[in-house]
């Protein structure tokens, strides 16, 4: 089965879409020459690392930022370089897919049946991930994209990971 995964989205999770919030700092990031303005909290990394260490879990990016998150996001929130789910660009709804279904397909395939917690703000991901074949036991921790990741989200995920380890 392997150790559990903690999957982490960027926009709407680490980067709330509405700012400023207490403790967040404004950053400009320019992956592939496109400039984004982000709100990031430098304490998120420590909270996430403490949680995965306590659970014996592996922290992984599950974001369209892919490996760019290691360069532009990780150092600003206090994370080391971590693996990422390779999520290709969303082809659009004209192909009959929602954004959540597209991400869920790639997350399910990449996780290969391992249990995971997923911090995500896409509203339809819960239904979509459950419908994917071979998906492991999981907990979707839905964040409000205007607020982003909170201590309550971390506590909920940590509790689920503790329960998982006692089964």
C-alpha atoms as a PDB file:
ATOM      1  CA  UNK A   1       0.000   0.000   0.000  1.00  0.00           C
ATOM      2  CA  UNK A   2       2.813   2.473   0.767  1.00  0.00           C
ATOM      3  CA  UNK A   3       2.828   5.457   3.062  1.00  0.00           C
ATOM      4  CA  UNK A   4      -0.100   7.862   2.841  1.00  0.00           C
ATOM      5  CA  UNK A   5       0.128  10.914   0.643  1.00  0.00           C
ATOM      6  CA  UNK A   6      -0.783  14.485   1.489  1.00  0.00           C
ATOM      7  CA  UNK A   7      -1.687  16.216  -1.768  1.00  0.00           C
ATOM      8  CA  UNK A   8      -1.485  19.968  -1.893  1.00  0.00           C
ATOM      9  CA  UNK A   9      -3.060  22.401  -4.341  1.00  0.00           C
ATOM     10  CA  UNK A  10      -1.732  25.969  -4.659  1.00  0.00           C
ATOM     11  CA  UNK A  11      -4.391  28.384  -5.932  1.00  0.00           C
ATOM     12  CA  UNK A  12      -7.353  28.562  -3.564  1.00  0.00           C
ATOM     13  CA  UNK A  13      -5.457  26.540  -0.936  1.00  0.00           C
ATOM     14  CA  UNK A  14      -2.034  28.077  -0.239  1.00  0.00           C
ATOM     15  CA  UNK A  15      -2.880  31.149  -2.307  1.00  0.00           C
ATOM     16  CA  UNK A  16      -6.325  32.395  -1.268  1.00  0.00           C
ATOM     17  CA  UNK A  17      -8.082  34.216  -4.053  1.00  0.00           C
ATOM     18  CA  UNK A  18      -9.024  37.076  -1.772  1.00  0.00           C
ATOM     19  CA  UNK A  19      -6.473  38.938   0.301  1.00  0.00           C
ATOM     20  CA  UNK A  20      -4.930  40.133   2.400  1.00  0.00           C
ATOM     21  CA  UNK A  21      -5.273  37.776   5.348  1.00  0.00           C
ATOM     22  CA  UNK A  22      -3.355  38.052   8.594  1.00  0.00           C
ATOM     23  CA  UNK A  23       0.152  36.665   8.275  1.00  0.00           C
ATOM     24  CA  UNK A  24       0.070  36.389   4.475  1.00  0.00           C
ATOM     25  CA  UNK A  25       2.651  38.121   2.330  1.00  0.00           C
ATOM     26  CA  UNK A  26       2.304  39.348  -1.242  1.00  0.00           C
ATOM     27  CA  UNK A  27       4.609  37.793  -3.846  1.00  0.00           C
ATOM     28  CA  UNK A  28       5.106  38.040  -7.564  1.00  0.00           C
ATOM     29  CA  UNK A  29       6.003  34.812  -9.313  1.00  0.00           C
ATOM     30  CA  UNK A  30       6.821  34.403 -12.989  1.00  0.00           C
ATOM     31  CA  UNK A  31       6.837  30.769 -14.098  1.00  0.00           C
ATOM     32  CA  UNK A  32       7.316  30.495 -17.859  1.00  0.00           C
ATOM     33  CA  UNK A  33       7.410  34.286 -18.122  1.00  0.00           C
ATOM     34  CA  UNK A  34       3.831  34.796 -16.916  1.00  0.00           C
ATOM     35  CA  UNK A  35       3.605  36.967 -13.806  1.00  0.00           C
ATOM     36  CA  UNK A  36       1.197  35.981 -11.019  1.00  0.00           C
ATOM     37  CA  UNK A  37       0.496  37.911  -7.839  1.00  0.00           C
ATOM     38  CA  UNK A  38       0.027  35.574  -4.911  1.00  0.00           C
ATOM     39  CA  UNK A  39      -0.800  35.749  -1.216  1.00  0.00           C
ATOM     40  CA  UNK A  40       1.290  33.153   0.658  1.00  0.00           C
ATOM     41  CA  UNK A  41       1.719  32.416   4.352  1.00  0.00           C
ATOM     42  CA  UNK A  42       5.283  31.581   5.468  1.00  0.00           C
ATOM     43  CA  UNK A  43       3.971  29.377   8.318  1.00  0.00           C
ATOM     44  CA  UNK A  44       2.054  26.908   6.152  1.00  0.00           C
ATOM     45  CA  UNK A  45       5.143  24.861   5.370  1.00  0.00           C
ATOM     46  CA  UNK A  46       5.977  24.147   9.015  1.00  0.00           C
ATOM     47  CA  UNK A  47       2.372  23.102   9.784  1.00  0.00           C
ATOM     48  CA  UNK A  48       2.292  20.752   6.785  1.00  0.00           C
ATOM     49  CA  UNK A  49       5.735  19.294   7.472  1.00  0.00           C
ATOM     50  CA  UNK A  50       4.878  18.638  11.126  1.00  0.00           C
ATOM     51  CA  UNK A  51       1.695  16.860  10.061  1.00  0.00           C
ATOM     52  CA  UNK A  52       3.340  14.606   7.460  1.00  0.00           C
ATOM     53  CA  UNK A  53       6.233  13.792   9.778  1.00  0.00           C
ATOM     54  CA  UNK A  54       3.874  12.766  12.595  1.00  0.00           C
ATOM     55  CA  UNK A  55       1.874  10.594  10.181  1.00  0.00           C
ATOM     56  CA  UNK A  56       4.772   9.084   8.251  1.00  0.00           C
ATOM     57  CA  UNK A  57       3.194  10.564   5.110  1.00  0.00           C
ATOM     58  CA  UNK A  58       4.634  12.041   1.945  1.00  0.00           C
ATOM     59  CA  UNK A  59       3.824  15.612   0.893  1.00  0.00           C
ATOM     60  CA  UNK A  60       3.140  16.074  -2.847  1.00  0.00           C
ATOM     61  CA  UNK A  61       2.026  18.972  -5.051  1.00  0.00           C
ATOM     62  CA  UNK A  62      -1.325  18.309  -6.779  1.00  0.00           C
ATOM     63  CA  UNK A  63      -1.585  21.562  -8.678  1.00  0.00           C
ATOM     64  CA  UNK A  64      -1.306  22.912 -12.183  1.00  0.00           C
ATOM     65  CA  UNK A  65       1.857  24.578 -10.902  1.00  0.00           C
ATOM     66  CA  UNK A  66       3.480  21.079 -11.081  1.00  0.00           C
ATOM     67  CA  UNK A  67       7.261  21.417 -10.596  1.00  0.00           C
ATOM     68  CA  UNK A  68       7.039  25.224 -10.801  1.00  0.00           C
ATOM     69  CA  UNK A  69       5.606  25.064  -7.267  1.00  0.00           C
ATOM     70  CA  UNK A  70       9.009  23.877  -6.032  1.00  0.00           C
ATOM     71  CA  UNK A  71      10.687  26.994  -7.385  1.00  0.00           C
ATOM     72  CA  UNK A  72       8.043  29.667  -6.822  1.00  0.00           C
ATOM     73  CA  UNK A  73       5.844  28.498  -3.930  1.00  0.00           C
ATOM     74  CA  UNK A  74       7.850  26.127  -1.706  1.00  0.00           C
ATOM     75  CA  UNK A  75      10.536  28.596  -0.551  1.00  0.00           C
ATOM     76  CA  UNK A  76       7.912  31.251   0.210  1.00  0.00           C
ATOM     77  CA  UNK A  77       5.843  28.974   2.470  1.00  0.00           C
ATOM     78  CA  UNK A  78       8.741  27.099   4.092  1.00  0.00           C
ATOM     79  CA  UNK A  79       8.688  23.815   2.179  1.00  0.00           C
ATOM     80  CA  UNK A  80      11.552  21.853   0.660  1.00  0.00           C
ATOM     81  CA  UNK A  81      11.413  20.542  -2.895  1.00  0.00           C
ATOM     82  CA  UNK A  82       8.699  17.845  -3.000  1.00  0.00           C
ATOM     83  CA  UNK A  83       7.321  15.515  -5.694  1.00  0.00           C
ATOM     84  CA  UNK A  84       4.384  16.579  -7.843  1.00  0.00           C
ATOM     85  CA  UNK A  85       1.518  14.975  -9.702  1.00  0.00           C
ATOM     86  CA  UNK A  86       2.050  15.771 -13.397  1.00  0.00           C
ATOM     87  CA  UNK A  87      -1.276  17.396 -14.251  1.00  0.00           C
ATOM     88  CA  UNK A  88      -1.364  18.564 -17.869  1.00  0.00           C
ATOM     89  CA  UNK A  89      -3.126  21.716 -18.916  1.00  0.00           C
ATOM     90  CA  UNK A  90      -6.915  21.472 -18.673  1.00  0.00           C
ATOM     91  CA  UNK A  91      -8.298  20.894 -22.181  1.00  0.00           C
ATOM     92  CA  UNK A  92     -11.507  22.791 -21.400  1.00  0.00           C
ATOM     93  CA  UNK A  93     -15.136  21.989 -20.951  1.00  0.00           C
ATOM     94  CA  UNK A  94     -15.638  21.596 -24.680  1.00  0.00           C
ATOM     95  CA  UNK A  95     -14.270  18.069 -24.231  1.00  0.00           C
ATOM     96  CA  UNK A  96     -16.983  17.304 -21.671  1.00  0.00           C
ATOM     97  CA  UNK A  97     -14.713  17.426 -18.655  1.00  0.00           C
ATOM     98  CA  UNK A  98     -14.834  19.623 -15.609  1.00  0.00           C
ATOM     99  CA  UNK A  99     -11.683  20.995 -14.033  1.00  0.00           C
ATOM    100  CA  UNK A 100     -12.243  18.793 -10.973  1.00  0.00           C
ATOM    101  CA  UNK A 101     -12.706  15.636 -13.054  1.00  0.00           C
ATOM    102  CA  UNK A 102      -9.549  16.391 -15.031  1.00  0.00           C
ATOM    103  CA  UNK A 103      -7.432  16.839 -11.894  1.00  0.00           C
ATOM    104  CA  UNK A 104      -9.061  13.821 -10.201  1.00  0.00           C
ATOM    105  CA  UNK A 105      -8.178  11.559 -13.136  1.00  0.00           C
ATOM    106  CA  UNK A 106      -4.496  12.454 -12.906  1.00  0.00           C
ATOM    107  CA  UNK A 107      -4.347  12.326  -9.100  1.00  0.00           C
ATOM    108  CA  UNK A 108      -6.024   8.901  -8.994  1.00  0.00           C
ATOM    109  CA  UNK A 109      -3.667   7.442 -11.606  1.00  0.00           C
ATOM    110  CA  UNK A 110      -0.538   8.923  -9.998  1.00  0.00           C
ATOM    111  CA  UNK A 111      -1.406   7.832  -6.447  1.00  0.00           C
ATOM    112  CA  UNK A 112      -1.676   4.178  -7.570  1.00  0.00           C
ATOM    113  CA  UNK A 113      -4.132   3.141  -4.859  1.00  0.00           C
ATOM    114  CA  UNK A 114      -2.219   4.705  -1.958  1.00  0.00           C
ATOM    115  CA  UNK A 115      -4.305   6.411   0.717  1.00  0.00           C
ATOM    116  CA  UNK A 116      -4.257  10.193   0.579  1.00  0.00           C
ATOM    117  CA  UNK A 117      -5.481  13.465   1.985  1.00  0.00           C
ATOM    118  CA  UNK A 118      -6.060  16.113  -0.661  1.00  0.00           C
ATOM    119  CA  UNK A 119      -6.238  19.825   0.136  1.00  0.00           C
ATOM    120  CA  UNK A 120      -8.265  21.161  -2.788  1.00  0.00           C
ATOM    121  CA  UNK A 121     -10.706  23.966  -3.557  1.00  0.00           C
ATOM    122  CA  UNK A 122     -12.404  22.640  -6.731  1.00  0.00           C
ATOM    123  CA  UNK A 123     -16.038  21.991  -5.724  1.00  0.00           C
ATOM    124  CA  UNK A 124     -16.623  18.854  -7.813  1.00  0.00           C
ATOM    125  CA  UNK A 125     -13.416  16.990  -6.927  1.00  0.00           C
ATOM    126  CA  UNK A 126     -15.067  14.927  -4.148  1.00  0.00           C
ATOM    127  CA  UNK A 127     -17.521  13.293  -6.538  1.00  0.00           C
ATOM    128  CA  UNK A 128     -14.952  12.994  -9.314  1.00  0.00           C
ATOM    129  CA  UNK A 129     -12.198  11.356  -7.262  1.00  0.00           C
ATOM    130  CA  UNK A 130     -14.617   8.804  -5.786  1.00  0.00           C
ATOM    131  CA  UNK A 131     -15.626   7.774  -9.321  1.00  0.00           C
ATOM    132  CA  UNK A 132     -12.060   7.074 -10.474  1.00  0.00           C
ATOM    133  CA  UNK A 133     -11.136   3.382 -10.805  1.00  0.00           C
ATOM    134  CA  UNK A 134      -8.542   2.072  -8.361  1.00  0.00           C
ATOM    135  CA  UNK A 135      -8.486   5.180  -6.201  1.00  0.00           C
ATOM    136  CA  UNK A 136      -7.265   4.500  -2.684  1.00  0.00           C
ATOM    137  CA  UNK A 137      -8.877   5.431   0.586  1.00  0.00           C
ATOM    138  CA  UNK A 138      -8.885   9.209   0.756  1.00  0.00           C
ATOM    139  CA  UNK A 139     -10.072  12.343   2.449  1.00  0.00           C
ATOM    140  CA  UNK A 140     -10.748  15.483   0.493  1.00  0.00           C
ATOM    141  CA  UNK A 141     -10.240  18.556   2.651  1.00  0.00           C
ATOM    142  CA  UNK A 142     -12.183  21.201   0.775  1.00  0.00           C
ATOM    143  CA  UNK A 143     -10.959  24.734   1.252  1.00  0.00           C
ATOM    144  CA  UNK A 144     -12.846  27.920   0.590  1.00  0.00           C
ATOM    145  CA  UNK A 145     -10.807  29.446  -2.265  1.00  0.00           C
ATOM    146  CA  UNK A 146     -11.332  32.950  -0.877  1.00  0.00           C
ATOM    147  CA  UNK A 147      -9.853  31.967   2.512  1.00  0.00           C
ATOM    148  CA  UNK A 148      -7.395  29.155   1.733  1.00  0.00           C
ATOM    149  CA  UNK A 149      -5.765  26.680   4.100  1.00  0.00           C
ATOM    150  CA  UNK A 150      -6.518  27.045   7.817  1.00  0.00           C
ATOM    151  CA  UNK A 151      -5.361  25.330  11.001  1.00  0.00           C
ATOM    152  CA  UNK A 152      -8.744  23.567  11.134  1.00  0.00           C
ATOM    153  CA  UNK A 153      -8.033  21.984   7.733  1.00  0.00           C
ATOM    154  CA  UNK A 154      -4.650  20.754   8.980  1.00  0.00           C
ATOM    155  CA  UNK A 155      -6.205  19.358  12.167  1.00  0.00           C
ATOM    156  CA  UNK A 156      -8.899  17.519  10.190  1.00  0.00           C
ATOM    157  CA  UNK A 157      -6.295  15.946   7.905  1.00  0.00           C
ATOM    158  CA  UNK A 158      -4.015  15.032  10.836  1.00  0.00           C
ATOM    159  CA  UNK A 159      -6.922  13.308  12.609  1.00  0.00           C
ATOM    160  CA  UNK A 160      -7.761  11.275   9.513  1.00  0.00           C
ATOM    161  CA  UNK A 161      -4.113  10.253   9.093  1.00  0.00           C
ATOM    162  CA  UNK A 162      -3.950   9.198  12.782  1.00  0.00           C
ATOM    163  CA  UNK A 163      -7.106   7.095  12.360  1.00  0.00           C
ATOM    164  CA  UNK A 164      -5.686   5.572   9.178  1.00  0.00           C
ATOM    165  CA  UNK A 165      -2.546   4.434  11.019  1.00  0.00           C
ATOM    166  CA  UNK A 166      -4.581   2.540  13.642  1.00  0.00           C
ATOM    167  CA  UNK A 167      -6.471   0.412  11.105  1.00  0.00           C
END
